[in-house]
Amino acid sequence: MFSFVDLRLLLLLGATALLTHGQEDIPEV
């Protein structure tokens, strides 16, 4: 069973991964 803290950590990790992936897709021009 997952606790609220675990869910928050998963959400933070997921959000960070999405943000990082999004930044990688943006070309540095």
C-alpha atoms as a PDB file:
ATOM      1  CA  MET A   1       0.000   0.000   0.000  1.00  0.00           C
ATOM      2  CA  PHE A   2       1.231   3.477  -0.849  1.00  0.00           C
ATOM      3  CA  SER A   3       1.032   6.381   1.564  1.00  0.00           C
ATOM      4  CA  PHE A   4       0.266  10.000   0.701  1.00  0.00           C
ATOM      5  CA  VAL A   5       3.976  10.813   1.019  1.00  0.00           C
ATOM      6  CA  ASP A   6       4.866   8.098  -1.502  1.00  0.00           C
ATOM      7  CA  LEU A   7       2.266   9.467  -3.922  1.00  0.00           C
ATOM      8  CA  ARG A   8       3.692  12.977  -3.556  1.00  0.00           C
ATOM      9  CA  LEU A   9       7.218  11.701  -4.216  1.00  0.00           C
ATOM     10  CA  LEU A  10       6.028   9.840  -7.317  1.00  0.00           C
ATOM     11  CA  LEU A  11       4.254  12.970  -8.572  1.00  0.00           C
ATOM     12  CA  LEU A  12       7.359  15.089  -7.974  1.00  0.00           C
ATOM     13  CA  LEU A  13       9.586  12.574  -9.764  1.00  0.00           C
ATOM     14  CA  GLY A  14       7.136  12.338 -12.664  1.00  0.00           C
ATOM     15  CA  ALA A  15       6.818  16.121 -12.961  1.00  0.00           C
ATOM     16  CA  THR A  16      10.597  16.562 -12.835  1.00  0.00           C
ATOM     17  CA  ALA A  17      11.069  13.891 -15.517  1.00  0.00           C
ATOM     18  CA  LEU A  18       8.480  15.554 -17.773  1.00  0.00           C
ATOM     19  CA  LEU A  19      10.039  18.998 -17.288  1.00  0.00           C
ATOM     20  CA  THR A  20      13.545  17.684 -17.946  1.00  0.00           C
ATOM     21  CA  HIS A  21      12.395  15.790 -21.046  1.00  0.00           C
ATOM     22  CA  GLY A  22      10.579  18.889 -22.289  1.00  0.00           C
ATOM     23  CA  GLN A  23      13.687  21.027 -21.865  1.00  0.00           C
ATOM     24  CA  GLU A  24      15.772  18.472 -23.773  1.00  0.00           C
ATOM     25  CA  ASP A  25      13.325  18.670 -26.682  1.00  0.00           C
ATOM     26  CA  ILE A  26      13.849  22.458 -26.886  1.00  0.00           C
ATOM     27  CA  PRO A  27      16.805  23.292 -29.198  1.00  0.00           C
ATOM     28  CA  GLU A  28      19.382  25.736 -27.821  1.00  0.00           C
ATOM     29  CA  VAL A  29      19.400  28.296 -30.630  1.00  0.00           C
END
